[in-house]
Each structure stands twice: as C-alpha cells, then as structure tokens.
Amino acid sequence: MESRTELGSGKPPDPAEARARADRASAVVRLLSQLSSMADEEKLDTQVAVASLWALWRELPNNFDEVSIPGIPDNDAEFNAFDNWTAGLLRTGLEAYAAAARIVPQALLKKCVLSVWKSREDAEAEERNLVERGQHWKLLLERENRRRMLLEPSVLDKVSRYESSLERSFFRTLHEIQRLQASRCGAIVPPPAAMDVDLTVHSEGSN
C-alpha cells in the first residue's frame, strides 16, 4: 500500500534544473572571485556576467529599486540584447552598487560570493535529493509492475490445469500423426502398445 501511495504522487522532478542552478552559481562564484585580478578589457560570458550582476544587486538593501550603471543599458530590451560584457564593466557595476549601499566594493563582493556559494550548496543538495527520490521511484515502479504481472493463486491453479490439458492433447495428437506418417510410408502399424491416459488430480476444495 505504501508503494502505491508513493507512486500516486507522481515521478519526482528532473534533477537537471537543480544541476543547472548549481552550475550557474559555480560560474558566478568563479567570476566574482577572480574579478579583482582581471583586466578591464577581458571579455565575459554574457549569461555569467548578467547572473553575477543580479547576484550583486540582490545583496543591496530592499529600498534600492534601481541603480544606474555607466555603460550598461537601463532599458530592459536593450539590457537583454546587450552582449558587450567585460571585467571592467562588471567592476563598474560592483562599485555603483557598493556606493549606493554605502559599503566598500570588496565587502559587497565578499558578501555576494558567500550568498551565491550557499545557493550552490542548496542546489546541489536538492539535486542529490531528487536523484535519490527518482531512483527510489523507479524501484517502486518496477516492484509494482512485477506485482501486477503475478496472478492470484486461484488463477494460477486454473492456468496450470489448462496447460496440463493442452500438453496431454498435444501428445495424443503427436502420437496419431506419427502413426499416420508411418502407415503412409508402408509400415505396418500395430495397435498402440500403450494408451495415452489422462489423469487429473484435484486438490481438496478446488473447483
């Protein structure tokens, strides 16, 4: 009954999404950790740069809705199409956010790295949990399928009797064919020295 209940809840979510979040968080941590040593003109992956900027923005106090960053479009459509991300531009964003929050850039950077690292650990823990749940669900599904394939004892008894009857009928027919084939080949076929006897034993209480 427990397996049916767990199967009824459906297959667990795919852990791939949690894995993707963990990978993005790892990429952000790597970039922010190396940012101070990178040359201004060094090109950045757009997705990682945007994720890093958003990670920095999430560390600002709640009363900061918008902070204009020189070189980065404020318009949503232009921002989404912007792909000229460099280490110097991301550092400019870090400095703008730090100034708005009235803290030094390095303090904001460190706080952000710790937060993203925690998000990465949470995503990896979720991935492991979903993988384990998925494996458990598969085992329950296989067990339930095997259970459904097995017949009830009463049905198995009837099937066994039908199989025995078919087997006896098969051998009787085979013997007759052998006698007919021998007769057609000119052989003198004597009467059968042995008779095919059907013997069926029913256990007490069986129908």
N, C-alpha and C. Protein backbone atom coordinates (compact mmCIF):
# COMPACT_ATOMS: atom_id res chain seq x y z
N MET A 1 0.83 -1.21 0.00
CA MET A 1 0.00 0.00 0.00
C MET A 1 0.86 1.25 0.00
N GLU A 2 1.98 1.21 0.70
CA GLU A 2 2.85 2.38 0.77
C GLU A 2 3.42 2.72 -0.60
N SER A 3 3.80 1.65 -1.36
CA SER A 3 4.37 1.90 -2.68
C SER A 3 3.36 2.54 -3.61
N ARG A 4 2.10 2.09 -3.54
CA ARG A 4 1.07 2.69 -4.38
C ARG A 4 0.89 4.17 -4.05
N THR A 5 0.92 4.48 -2.76
CA THR A 5 0.76 5.88 -2.35
C THR A 5 1.89 6.72 -2.90
N GLU A 6 3.13 6.22 -2.79
CA GLU A 6 4.28 6.98 -3.27
C GLU A 6 4.26 7.09 -4.79
N LEU A 7 3.84 6.04 -5.48
CA LEU A 7 3.74 6.11 -6.93
C LEU A 7 2.65 7.08 -7.36
N GLY A 8 1.57 7.11 -6.56
CA GLY A 8 0.47 8.01 -6.90
C GLY A 8 0.86 9.46 -6.86
N SER A 9 1.88 9.81 -6.10
CA SER A 9 2.32 11.20 -6.02
C SER A 9 3.05 11.65 -7.28
N GLY A 10 3.36 10.71 -8.18
CA GLY A 10 3.99 11.06 -9.44
C GLY A 10 5.50 10.99 -9.39
N LYS A 11 6.08 10.97 -10.57
CA LYS A 11 7.53 10.91 -10.68
C LYS A 11 8.14 12.19 -10.15
N PRO A 12 9.20 12.11 -9.35
CA PRO A 12 9.84 13.33 -8.81
C PRO A 12 10.36 14.22 -9.94
N PRO A 13 10.50 15.52 -9.69
CA PRO A 13 11.01 16.44 -10.73
C PRO A 13 12.40 16.03 -11.21
N ASP A 14 12.69 16.42 -12.44
CA ASP A 14 14.01 16.12 -13.02
C ASP A 14 15.07 16.92 -12.28
N PRO A 15 16.14 16.26 -11.81
CA PRO A 15 17.21 16.99 -11.10
C PRO A 15 18.05 17.88 -11.99
N ALA A 16 17.80 17.85 -13.31
CA ALA A 16 18.63 18.63 -14.23
C ALA A 16 18.53 20.13 -13.96
N GLU A 17 17.34 20.60 -13.56
CA GLU A 17 17.18 22.04 -13.30
C GLU A 17 18.01 22.46 -12.10
N ALA A 18 18.00 21.63 -11.05
CA ALA A 18 18.81 21.93 -9.86
C ALA A 18 20.30 21.88 -10.21
N ARG A 19 20.68 20.93 -11.07
CA ARG A 19 22.08 20.84 -11.51
C ARG A 19 22.48 22.09 -12.27
N ALA A 20 21.56 22.61 -13.11
CA ALA A 20 21.84 23.81 -13.89
C ALA A 20 22.03 25.02 -12.97
N ARG A 21 21.19 25.11 -11.93
CA ARG A 21 21.34 26.22 -10.98
C ARG A 21 22.67 26.13 -10.23
N ALA A 22 23.06 24.92 -9.87
CA ALA A 22 24.34 24.73 -9.18
C ALA A 22 25.50 25.13 -10.10
N ASP A 23 25.40 24.77 -11.37
CA ASP A 23 26.46 25.12 -12.33
C ASP A 23 26.55 26.63 -12.53
N ARG A 24 25.38 27.29 -12.63
CA ARG A 24 25.38 28.75 -12.79
C ARG A 24 25.99 29.42 -11.57
N ALA A 25 25.63 28.94 -10.39
CA ALA A 25 26.18 29.51 -9.16
C ALA A 25 27.70 29.32 -9.11
N SER A 26 28.17 28.17 -9.53
CA SER A 26 29.62 27.92 -9.55
C SER A 26 30.32 28.88 -10.50
N ALA A 27 29.72 29.12 -11.65
CA ALA A 27 30.31 30.04 -12.62
C ALA A 27 30.36 31.47 -12.07
N VAL A 28 29.31 31.87 -11.37
CA VAL A 28 29.27 33.22 -10.77
C VAL A 28 30.34 33.34 -9.69
N VAL A 29 30.47 32.32 -8.85
CA VAL A 29 31.48 32.36 -7.79
C VAL A 29 32.88 32.46 -8.39
N ARG A 30 33.14 31.69 -9.44
CA ARG A 30 34.47 31.75 -10.08
C ARG A 30 34.75 33.14 -10.64
N LEU A 31 33.75 33.73 -11.31
CA LEU A 31 33.95 35.04 -11.92
C LEU A 31 34.17 36.12 -10.85
N LEU A 32 33.32 36.15 -9.84
CA LEU A 32 33.44 37.19 -8.82
C LEU A 32 34.73 37.01 -8.01
N SER A 33 35.15 35.78 -7.82
CA SER A 33 36.38 35.54 -7.06
C SER A 33 37.62 36.00 -7.83
N GLN A 34 37.55 35.99 -9.16
CA GLN A 34 38.69 36.38 -9.99
C GLN A 34 38.58 37.82 -10.50
N LEU A 35 37.46 38.47 -10.21
CA LEU A 35 37.18 39.77 -10.82
C LEU A 35 38.26 40.81 -10.54
N SER A 36 38.74 40.86 -9.32
CA SER A 36 39.70 41.90 -8.95
C SER A 36 41.02 41.78 -9.70
N SER A 37 41.35 40.59 -10.18
CA SER A 37 42.62 40.38 -10.86
C SER A 37 42.49 40.38 -12.39
N MET A 38 41.29 40.57 -12.91
CA MET A 38 41.07 40.52 -14.35
C MET A 38 41.29 41.88 -14.99
N ALA A 39 41.77 41.88 -16.22
CA ALA A 39 41.97 43.14 -16.95
C ALA A 39 40.62 43.73 -17.34
N ASP A 40 40.55 45.06 -17.40
CA ASP A 40 39.29 45.73 -17.71
C ASP A 40 38.68 45.26 -19.02
N GLU A 41 39.52 45.05 -20.04
CA GLU A 41 39.01 44.73 -21.37
C GLU A 41 38.69 43.24 -21.56
N GLU A 42 38.92 42.42 -20.55
CA GLU A 42 38.68 40.98 -20.71
C GLU A 42 37.20 40.71 -20.90
N LYS A 43 36.89 39.98 -21.98
CA LYS A 43 35.50 39.67 -22.31
C LYS A 43 34.93 38.64 -21.34
N LEU A 44 33.64 38.79 -21.07
CA LEU A 44 32.95 37.86 -20.16
C LEU A 44 31.80 37.18 -20.89
N ASP A 45 31.50 35.98 -20.44
CA ASP A 45 30.30 35.30 -20.94
C ASP A 45 29.08 36.10 -20.52
N THR A 46 28.20 36.38 -21.46
CA THR A 46 27.04 37.26 -21.18
C THR A 46 26.17 36.70 -20.07
N GLN A 47 25.84 35.42 -20.14
CA GLN A 47 24.95 34.84 -19.13
C GLN A 47 25.57 34.87 -17.74
N VAL A 48 26.85 34.56 -17.65
CA VAL A 48 27.52 34.57 -16.35
C VAL A 48 27.64 36.00 -15.83
N ALA A 49 27.94 36.95 -16.72
CA ALA A 49 28.06 38.35 -16.30
C ALA A 49 26.73 38.89 -15.78
N VAL A 50 25.66 38.60 -16.50
CA VAL A 50 24.33 39.06 -16.07
C VAL A 50 23.95 38.41 -14.74
N ALA A 51 24.20 37.10 -14.61
CA ALA A 51 23.89 36.41 -13.36
C ALA A 51 24.70 36.99 -12.20
N SER A 52 25.93 37.39 -12.49
CA SER A 52 26.78 37.97 -11.44
C SER A 52 26.26 39.34 -11.02
N LEU A 53 25.85 40.15 -12.01
CA LEU A 53 25.31 41.47 -11.70
C LEU A 53 24.04 41.36 -10.87
N TRP A 54 23.16 40.40 -11.24
CA TRP A 54 21.94 40.20 -10.47
C TRP A 54 22.26 39.72 -9.05
N ALA A 55 23.28 38.89 -8.92
CA ALA A 55 23.68 38.41 -7.59
C ALA A 55 24.15 39.56 -6.72
N LEU A 56 24.90 40.49 -7.31
CA LEU A 56 25.34 41.68 -6.57
C LEU A 56 24.15 42.55 -6.18
N TRP A 57 23.20 42.72 -7.11
CA TRP A 57 22.03 43.56 -6.85
C TRP A 57 21.18 42.99 -5.71
N ARG A 58 21.10 41.66 -5.63
CA ARG A 58 20.28 41.04 -4.57
C ARG A 58 20.87 41.27 -3.18
N GLU A 59 22.12 41.67 -3.10
CA GLU A 59 22.74 41.94 -1.79
C GLU A 59 22.47 43.37 -1.31
N LEU A 60 21.84 44.19 -2.16
CA LEU A 60 21.52 45.57 -1.76
C LEU A 60 20.33 45.58 -0.81
N PRO A 61 20.23 46.60 0.03
CA PRO A 61 19.05 46.73 0.90
C PRO A 61 17.78 46.82 0.06
N ASN A 62 16.65 46.47 0.65
CA ASN A 62 15.38 46.39 -0.08
C ASN A 62 14.91 47.72 -0.65
N ASN A 63 15.39 48.86 -0.12
CA ASN A 63 14.91 50.15 -0.59
C ASN A 63 15.60 50.62 -1.86
N PHE A 64 16.52 49.82 -2.40
CA PHE A 64 17.19 50.19 -3.65
C PHE A 64 16.50 49.45 -4.79
N ASP A 65 15.67 50.19 -5.54
CA ASP A 65 14.97 49.58 -6.67
C ASP A 65 15.83 49.60 -7.93
N GLU A 66 16.43 50.75 -8.23
CA GLU A 66 17.22 50.87 -9.44
C GLU A 66 18.50 51.65 -9.14
N VAL A 67 19.57 51.19 -9.72
CA VAL A 67 20.84 51.90 -9.63
C VAL A 67 21.40 51.96 -11.05
N SER A 68 21.59 53.15 -11.55
CA SER A 68 22.10 53.31 -12.91
C SER A 68 23.60 53.04 -12.93
N ILE A 69 24.01 52.21 -13.90
CA ILE A 69 25.42 51.83 -14.02
C ILE A 69 25.95 52.35 -15.36
N PRO A 70 26.96 53.19 -15.37
CA PRO A 70 27.52 53.71 -16.62
C PRO A 70 27.98 52.57 -17.53
N GLY A 71 27.54 52.64 -18.78
CA GLY A 71 27.94 51.64 -19.76
C GLY A 71 26.99 50.48 -19.91
N ILE A 72 26.03 50.35 -18.96
CA ILE A 72 25.06 49.25 -19.01
C ILE A 72 23.67 49.84 -19.28
N PRO A 73 22.97 49.40 -20.33
CA PRO A 73 21.66 49.97 -20.66
C PRO A 73 20.67 49.83 -19.51
N ASP A 74 19.86 50.89 -19.32
CA ASP A 74 18.82 50.84 -18.30
C ASP A 74 17.53 50.23 -18.85
N ASN A 75 17.30 50.40 -20.16
CA ASN A 75 16.11 49.86 -20.79
C ASN A 75 16.16 48.33 -20.82
N ASP A 76 15.04 47.69 -20.46
CA ASP A 76 15.02 46.22 -20.36
C ASP A 76 15.36 45.55 -21.69
N ALA A 77 14.75 46.02 -22.78
CA ALA A 77 15.00 45.41 -24.08
C ALA A 77 16.46 45.55 -24.48
N GLU A 78 17.02 46.75 -24.26
CA GLU A 78 18.42 46.97 -24.61
C GLU A 78 19.35 46.18 -23.70
N PHE A 79 18.96 46.08 -22.44
CA PHE A 79 19.78 45.30 -21.50
C PHE A 79 19.83 43.82 -21.91
N ASN A 80 18.66 43.28 -22.29
CA ASN A 80 18.60 41.87 -22.68
C ASN A 80 19.40 41.58 -23.95
N ALA A 81 19.51 42.60 -24.82
CA ALA A 81 20.24 42.42 -26.08
C ALA A 81 21.72 42.75 -25.94
N PHE A 82 22.09 43.34 -24.82
CA PHE A 82 23.47 43.78 -24.62
C PHE A 82 24.39 42.58 -24.40
N ASP A 83 25.49 42.54 -25.15
CA ASP A 83 26.42 41.40 -25.01
C ASP A 83 27.89 41.82 -24.98
N ASN A 84 28.11 43.10 -24.69
CA ASN A 84 29.49 43.59 -24.67
C ASN A 84 30.00 43.65 -23.22
N TRP A 85 29.91 42.53 -22.53
CA TRP A 85 30.29 42.48 -21.13
C TRP A 85 31.79 42.27 -20.98
N THR A 86 32.39 43.10 -20.12
CA THR A 86 33.81 42.98 -19.82
C THR A 86 34.01 43.00 -18.31
N ALA A 87 35.21 42.61 -17.88
CA ALA A 87 35.50 42.62 -16.44
C ALA A 87 35.43 44.03 -15.88
N GLY A 88 35.91 45.02 -16.67
CA GLY A 88 35.86 46.41 -16.22
C GLY A 88 34.44 46.90 -16.04
N LEU A 89 33.53 46.48 -16.94
CA LEU A 89 32.14 46.90 -16.84
C LEU A 89 31.46 46.28 -15.62
N LEU A 90 31.76 45.02 -15.35
CA LEU A 90 31.18 44.38 -14.17
C LEU A 90 31.73 45.01 -12.89
N ARG A 91 33.01 45.40 -12.90
CA ARG A 91 33.57 46.09 -11.73
C ARG A 91 32.89 47.44 -11.54
N THR A 92 32.55 48.11 -12.65
CA THR A 92 31.81 49.37 -12.55
C THR A 92 30.46 49.16 -11.88
N GLY A 93 29.79 48.06 -12.23
CA GLY A 93 28.52 47.73 -11.59
C GLY A 93 28.69 47.46 -10.11
N LEU A 94 29.74 46.73 -9.77
CA LEU A 94 30.04 46.44 -8.36
C LEU A 94 30.26 47.73 -7.58
N GLU A 95 31.03 48.66 -8.14
CA GLU A 95 31.33 49.92 -7.47
C GLU A 95 30.08 50.78 -7.33
N ALA A 96 29.21 50.75 -8.36
CA ALA A 96 27.97 51.54 -8.30
C ALA A 96 27.05 51.00 -7.22
N TYR A 97 26.91 49.71 -7.15
CA TYR A 97 26.07 49.11 -6.12
C TYR A 97 26.64 49.35 -4.72
N ALA A 98 27.95 49.23 -4.58
CA ALA A 98 28.59 49.45 -3.28
C ALA A 98 28.40 50.89 -2.82
N ALA A 99 28.53 51.83 -3.76
CA ALA A 99 28.33 53.24 -3.42
C ALA A 99 26.89 53.51 -3.00
N ALA A 100 25.93 52.87 -3.69
CA ALA A 100 24.52 53.06 -3.34
C ALA A 100 24.22 52.49 -1.95
N ALA A 101 24.88 51.38 -1.62
CA ALA A 101 24.66 50.75 -0.31
C ALA A 101 25.58 51.32 0.77
N ARG A 102 26.49 52.23 0.35
CA ARG A 102 27.42 52.88 1.26
C ARG A 102 28.32 51.86 1.98
N ILE A 103 28.82 50.92 1.20
CA ILE A 103 29.81 49.98 1.72
C ILE A 103 30.95 49.89 0.71
N VAL A 104 32.07 49.37 1.14
CA VAL A 104 33.20 49.27 0.22
C VAL A 104 32.94 48.13 -0.76
N PRO A 105 33.39 48.25 -2.02
CA PRO A 105 33.14 47.21 -3.03
C PRO A 105 33.57 45.82 -2.59
N GLN A 106 34.73 45.72 -1.93
CA GLN A 106 35.23 44.40 -1.53
C GLN A 106 34.30 43.73 -0.53
N ALA A 107 33.68 44.52 0.35
CA ALA A 107 32.74 43.95 1.32
C ALA A 107 31.49 43.42 0.62
N LEU A 108 30.99 44.19 -0.36
CA LEU A 108 29.82 43.74 -1.12
C LEU A 108 30.16 42.48 -1.92
N LEU A 109 31.35 42.48 -2.50
CA LEU A 109 31.79 41.33 -3.29
C LEU A 109 31.87 40.07 -2.43
N LYS A 110 32.47 40.19 -1.26
CA LYS A 110 32.61 39.04 -0.37
C LYS A 110 31.25 38.53 0.09
N LYS A 111 30.38 39.46 0.44
CA LYS A 111 29.03 39.06 0.87
C LYS A 111 28.29 38.33 -0.24
N CYS A 112 28.44 38.82 -1.46
CA CYS A 112 27.77 38.21 -2.60
C CYS A 112 28.31 36.81 -2.87
N VAL A 113 29.62 36.65 -2.82
CA VAL A 113 30.23 35.34 -3.07
C VAL A 113 29.73 34.32 -2.05
N LEU A 114 29.66 34.72 -0.79
CA LEU A 114 29.17 33.80 0.25
C LEU A 114 27.71 33.40 0.00
N SER A 115 26.89 34.36 -0.43
CA SER A 115 25.48 34.07 -0.69
C SER A 115 25.32 33.12 -1.87
N VAL A 116 26.08 33.38 -2.94
CA VAL A 116 25.99 32.53 -4.13
C VAL A 116 26.52 31.13 -3.83
N TRP A 117 27.59 31.06 -3.02
CA TRP A 117 28.12 29.75 -2.64
C TRP A 117 27.08 28.95 -1.87
N LYS A 118 26.35 29.64 -0.98
CA LYS A 118 25.28 28.96 -0.23
C LYS A 118 24.18 28.49 -1.19
N SER A 119 23.84 29.29 -2.18
CA SER A 119 22.85 28.89 -3.17
C SER A 119 23.31 27.67 -3.95
N ARG A 120 24.60 27.64 -4.24
CA ARG A 120 25.17 26.48 -4.96
C ARG A 120 25.04 25.22 -4.12
N GLU A 121 25.36 25.32 -2.84
CA GLU A 121 25.25 24.15 -1.96
C GLU A 121 23.81 23.69 -1.85
N ASP A 122 22.88 24.63 -1.76
CA ASP A 122 21.46 24.28 -1.68
C ASP A 122 21.01 23.57 -2.96
N ALA A 123 21.45 24.08 -4.11
CA ALA A 123 21.07 23.46 -5.39
C ALA A 123 21.64 22.06 -5.52
N GLU A 124 22.88 21.87 -5.07
CA GLU A 124 23.49 20.54 -5.14
C GLU A 124 22.79 19.56 -4.19
N ALA A 125 22.40 20.05 -3.01
CA ALA A 125 21.67 19.20 -2.07
C ALA A 125 20.30 18.81 -2.66
N GLU A 126 19.66 19.76 -3.32
CA GLU A 126 18.37 19.47 -3.96
C GLU A 126 18.55 18.46 -5.09
N GLU A 127 19.62 18.62 -5.85
CA GLU A 127 19.89 17.66 -6.94
C GLU A 127 20.07 16.25 -6.38
N ARG A 128 20.88 16.12 -5.32
CA ARG A 128 21.10 14.80 -4.73
C ARG A 128 19.79 14.19 -4.23
N ASN A 129 18.98 15.02 -3.60
CA ASN A 129 17.69 14.55 -3.09
C ASN A 129 16.79 14.07 -4.22
N LEU A 130 16.74 14.83 -5.31
CA LEU A 130 15.89 14.46 -6.44
C LEU A 130 16.40 13.20 -7.13
N VAL A 131 17.72 13.04 -7.19
CA VAL A 131 18.28 11.82 -7.79
C VAL A 131 17.90 10.61 -6.95
N GLU A 132 18.02 10.72 -5.63
CA GLU A 132 17.65 9.61 -4.74
C GLU A 132 16.16 9.31 -4.83
N ARG A 133 15.34 10.36 -4.87
CA ARG A 133 13.90 10.15 -4.99
C ARG A 133 13.55 9.50 -6.31
N GLY A 134 14.24 9.91 -7.38
CA GLY A 134 14.00 9.32 -8.69
C GLY A 134 14.36 7.84 -8.72
N GLN A 135 15.48 7.49 -8.11
CA GLN A 135 15.89 6.08 -8.06
C GLN A 135 14.91 5.25 -7.24
N HIS A 136 14.47 5.82 -6.11
CA HIS A 136 13.51 5.12 -5.26
C HIS A 136 12.19 4.93 -6.01
N TRP A 137 11.78 5.96 -6.73
CA TRP A 137 10.52 5.88 -7.50
C TRP A 137 10.61 4.80 -8.57
N LYS A 138 11.77 4.68 -9.23
CA LYS A 138 11.94 3.64 -10.25
C LYS A 138 11.85 2.25 -9.64
N LEU A 139 12.46 2.07 -8.45
CA LEU A 139 12.39 0.77 -7.78
C LEU A 139 10.96 0.42 -7.42
N LEU A 140 10.22 1.41 -6.91
CA LEU A 140 8.82 1.16 -6.56
C LEU A 140 8.00 0.83 -7.80
N LEU A 141 8.29 1.52 -8.89
CA LEU A 141 7.56 1.27 -10.14
C LEU A 141 7.84 -0.14 -10.66
N GLU A 142 9.10 -0.56 -10.61
CA GLU A 142 9.44 -1.92 -11.04
C GLU A 142 8.77 -2.96 -10.16
N ARG A 143 8.78 -2.69 -8.85
CA ARG A 143 8.14 -3.62 -7.91
C ARG A 143 6.65 -3.72 -8.17
N GLU A 144 6.02 -2.58 -8.42
CA GLU A 144 4.58 -2.57 -8.69
C GLU A 144 4.27 -3.28 -10.00
N ASN A 145 5.10 -3.10 -11.02
CA ASN A 145 4.90 -3.77 -12.30
C ASN A 145 5.03 -5.28 -12.15
N ARG A 146 6.03 -5.72 -11.36
CA ARG A 146 6.19 -7.17 -11.13
C ARG A 146 4.99 -7.72 -10.37
N ARG A 147 4.51 -6.93 -9.41
CA ARG A 147 3.36 -7.39 -8.63
C ARG A 147 2.14 -7.56 -9.52
N ARG A 148 1.94 -6.66 -10.44
CA ARG A 148 0.78 -6.74 -11.32
C ARG A 148 0.90 -7.87 -12.32
N MET A 149 2.13 -8.28 -12.62
CA MET A 149 2.34 -9.37 -13.57
C MET A 149 2.04 -10.74 -12.94
N LEU A 150 2.11 -10.84 -11.61
CA LEU A 150 1.85 -12.11 -10.93
C LEU A 150 0.35 -12.34 -10.79
N LEU A 151 -0.09 -13.58 -11.09
CA LEU A 151 -1.50 -13.92 -10.98
C LEU A 151 -1.84 -14.38 -9.57
N GLU A 152 -3.11 -14.27 -9.25
CA GLU A 152 -3.58 -14.76 -7.96
C GLU A 152 -3.46 -16.28 -7.91
N PRO A 153 -3.29 -16.88 -6.72
CA PRO A 153 -3.14 -18.35 -6.61
C PRO A 153 -4.26 -19.12 -7.30
N SER A 154 -5.52 -18.67 -7.13
CA SER A 154 -6.64 -19.39 -7.75
C SER A 154 -6.54 -19.35 -9.27
N VAL A 155 -6.12 -18.21 -9.80
CA VAL A 155 -5.98 -18.08 -11.26
C VAL A 155 -4.81 -18.92 -11.75
N LEU A 156 -3.72 -18.92 -10.98
CA LEU A 156 -2.56 -19.74 -11.36
C LEU A 156 -2.92 -21.22 -11.41
N ASP A 157 -3.78 -21.67 -10.48
CA ASP A 157 -4.19 -23.08 -10.45
C ASP A 157 -4.98 -23.43 -11.71
N LYS A 158 -5.87 -22.55 -12.12
CA LYS A 158 -6.65 -22.79 -13.34
C LYS A 158 -5.76 -22.80 -14.57
N VAL A 159 -4.83 -21.85 -14.61
CA VAL A 159 -3.92 -21.79 -15.75
C VAL A 159 -3.09 -23.06 -15.83
N SER A 160 -2.64 -23.54 -14.67
CA SER A 160 -1.84 -24.76 -14.64
C SER A 160 -2.63 -25.95 -15.16
N ARG A 161 -3.92 -26.05 -14.78
CA ARG A 161 -4.76 -27.16 -15.26
C ARG A 161 -4.98 -27.05 -16.76
N TYR A 162 -5.19 -25.84 -17.27
CA TYR A 162 -5.37 -25.66 -18.71
C TYR A 162 -4.10 -26.04 -19.46
N GLU A 163 -2.94 -25.68 -18.91
CA GLU A 163 -1.68 -26.02 -19.57
C GLU A 163 -1.47 -27.53 -19.61
N SER A 164 -1.81 -28.20 -18.50
CA SER A 164 -1.67 -29.66 -18.46
C SER A 164 -2.58 -30.32 -19.48
N SER A 165 -3.81 -29.81 -19.59
CA SER A 165 -4.75 -30.37 -20.55
C SER A 165 -4.26 -30.17 -21.99
N LEU A 166 -3.75 -28.98 -22.27
CA LEU A 166 -3.22 -28.71 -23.61
C LEU A 166 -2.02 -29.59 -23.92
N GLU A 167 -1.17 -29.82 -22.92
CA GLU A 167 0.01 -30.65 -23.12
C GLU A 167 -0.39 -32.09 -23.45
N ARG A 168 -1.39 -32.65 -22.73
CA ARG A 168 -1.84 -34.01 -23.00
C ARG A 168 -2.46 -34.11 -24.38
N SER A 169 -3.24 -33.09 -24.74
CA SER A 169 -3.85 -33.09 -26.07
C SER A 169 -2.79 -33.04 -27.15
N PHE A 170 -1.75 -32.28 -26.91
CA PHE A 170 -0.66 -32.18 -27.88
C PHE A 170 0.00 -33.53 -28.12
N PHE A 171 0.30 -34.27 -27.03
CA PHE A 171 0.98 -35.56 -27.18
C PHE A 171 0.07 -36.60 -27.84
N ARG A 172 -1.22 -36.58 -27.54
CA ARG A 172 -2.14 -37.51 -28.21
C ARG A 172 -2.15 -37.26 -29.71
N THR A 173 -2.21 -35.96 -30.06
CA THR A 173 -2.21 -35.62 -31.48
C THR A 173 -0.89 -36.00 -32.13
N LEU A 174 0.23 -35.79 -31.43
CA LEU A 174 1.54 -36.14 -31.96
C LEU A 174 1.64 -37.64 -32.23
N HIS A 175 1.13 -38.44 -31.30
CA HIS A 175 1.18 -39.89 -31.48
C HIS A 175 0.36 -40.32 -32.69
N GLU A 176 -0.81 -39.71 -32.88
CA GLU A 176 -1.64 -40.05 -34.02
C GLU A 176 -0.95 -39.68 -35.33
N ILE A 177 -0.30 -38.52 -35.34
CA ILE A 177 0.42 -38.11 -36.55
C ILE A 177 1.55 -39.08 -36.86
N GLN A 178 2.28 -39.49 -35.84
CA GLN A 178 3.37 -40.43 -36.06
C GLN A 178 2.85 -41.75 -36.64
N ARG A 179 1.71 -42.24 -36.14
CA ARG A 179 1.14 -43.49 -36.64
C ARG A 179 0.68 -43.32 -38.09
N LEU A 180 0.06 -42.18 -38.40
CA LEU A 180 -0.40 -41.94 -39.77
C LEU A 180 0.77 -41.83 -40.73
N GLN A 181 1.83 -41.14 -40.32
CA GLN A 181 3.00 -40.99 -41.18
C GLN A 181 3.65 -42.35 -41.45
N ALA A 182 3.74 -43.16 -40.42
CA ALA A 182 4.33 -44.49 -40.60
C ALA A 182 3.47 -45.34 -41.52
N SER A 183 2.16 -45.23 -41.40
CA SER A 183 1.25 -46.01 -42.25
C SER A 183 1.36 -45.59 -43.71
N ARG A 184 1.50 -44.29 -43.96
CA ARG A 184 1.61 -43.79 -45.33
C ARG A 184 2.93 -44.22 -45.98
N CYS A 185 3.93 -44.45 -45.16
CA CYS A 185 5.23 -44.89 -45.67
C CYS A 185 5.26 -46.41 -45.92
N GLY A 186 4.15 -47.10 -45.72
CA GLY A 186 4.07 -48.52 -45.97
C GLY A 186 4.37 -49.38 -44.78
N ALA A 187 4.64 -48.78 -43.66
CA ALA A 187 4.94 -49.57 -42.47
C ALA A 187 3.67 -50.17 -41.90
N ILE A 188 3.82 -51.35 -41.36
CA ILE A 188 2.69 -51.98 -40.70
C ILE A 188 2.63 -51.41 -39.28
N VAL A 189 1.56 -50.73 -39.03
CA VAL A 189 1.43 -50.07 -37.73
C VAL A 189 0.57 -50.93 -36.83
N PRO A 190 1.17 -51.54 -35.82
CA PRO A 190 0.37 -52.35 -34.89
C PRO A 190 -0.45 -51.44 -33.98
N PRO A 191 -1.39 -52.01 -33.35
CA PRO A 191 -2.15 -51.20 -32.37
C PRO A 191 -1.20 -50.67 -31.31
N PRO A 192 -1.50 -49.54 -30.78
CA PRO A 192 -0.61 -48.95 -29.77
C PRO A 192 -0.46 -49.86 -28.58
N ALA A 193 0.83 -50.08 -28.21
CA ALA A 193 1.09 -50.94 -27.06
C ALA A 193 0.78 -50.23 -25.76
N ALA A 194 0.79 -48.88 -25.83
CA ALA A 194 0.48 -48.10 -24.62
C ALA A 194 -0.61 -47.12 -24.95
N MET A 195 -1.40 -46.86 -24.03
CA MET A 195 -2.51 -45.92 -24.23
C MET A 195 -2.17 -44.59 -23.55
N ASP A 196 -2.64 -43.52 -24.18
CA ASP A 196 -2.50 -42.20 -23.55
C ASP A 196 -3.56 -42.06 -22.48
N VAL A 197 -3.15 -41.94 -21.29
CA VAL A 197 -4.08 -41.87 -20.18
C VAL A 197 -4.06 -40.47 -19.59
N ASP A 198 -5.24 -39.89 -19.43
CA ASP A 198 -5.36 -38.58 -18.78
C ASP A 198 -5.64 -38.81 -17.32
N LEU A 199 -4.84 -38.22 -16.51
CA LEU A 199 -5.03 -38.35 -15.06
C LEU A 199 -4.94 -36.95 -14.45
N THR A 200 -6.04 -36.49 -13.93
CA THR A 200 -6.09 -35.16 -13.35
C THR A 200 -6.42 -35.29 -11.86
N VAL A 201 -5.59 -34.73 -11.04
CA VAL A 201 -5.80 -34.79 -9.60
C VAL A 201 -6.17 -33.41 -9.11
N HIS A 202 -7.30 -33.31 -8.48
CA HIS A 202 -7.75 -32.03 -7.93
C HIS A 202 -7.52 -32.02 -6.43
N SER A 203 -6.96 -30.92 -5.97
CA SER A 203 -6.80 -30.78 -4.52
C SER A 203 -8.13 -30.51 -3.89
N GLU A 204 -8.23 -30.82 -2.61
CA GLU A 204 -9.48 -30.61 -1.90
C GLU A 204 -9.86 -29.14 -1.90
N GLY A 205 -11.12 -28.93 -2.20
CA GLY A 205 -11.60 -27.55 -2.18
C GLY A 205 -11.45 -26.84 -3.50
N SER A 206 -10.76 -27.46 -4.48
CA SER A 206 -10.61 -26.78 -5.78
C SER A 206 -11.86 -27.02 -6.60
N ASN A 207 -12.15 -26.09 -7.55
CA ASN A 207 -13.34 -26.18 -8.38
C ASN A 207 -13.00 -26.92 -9.68
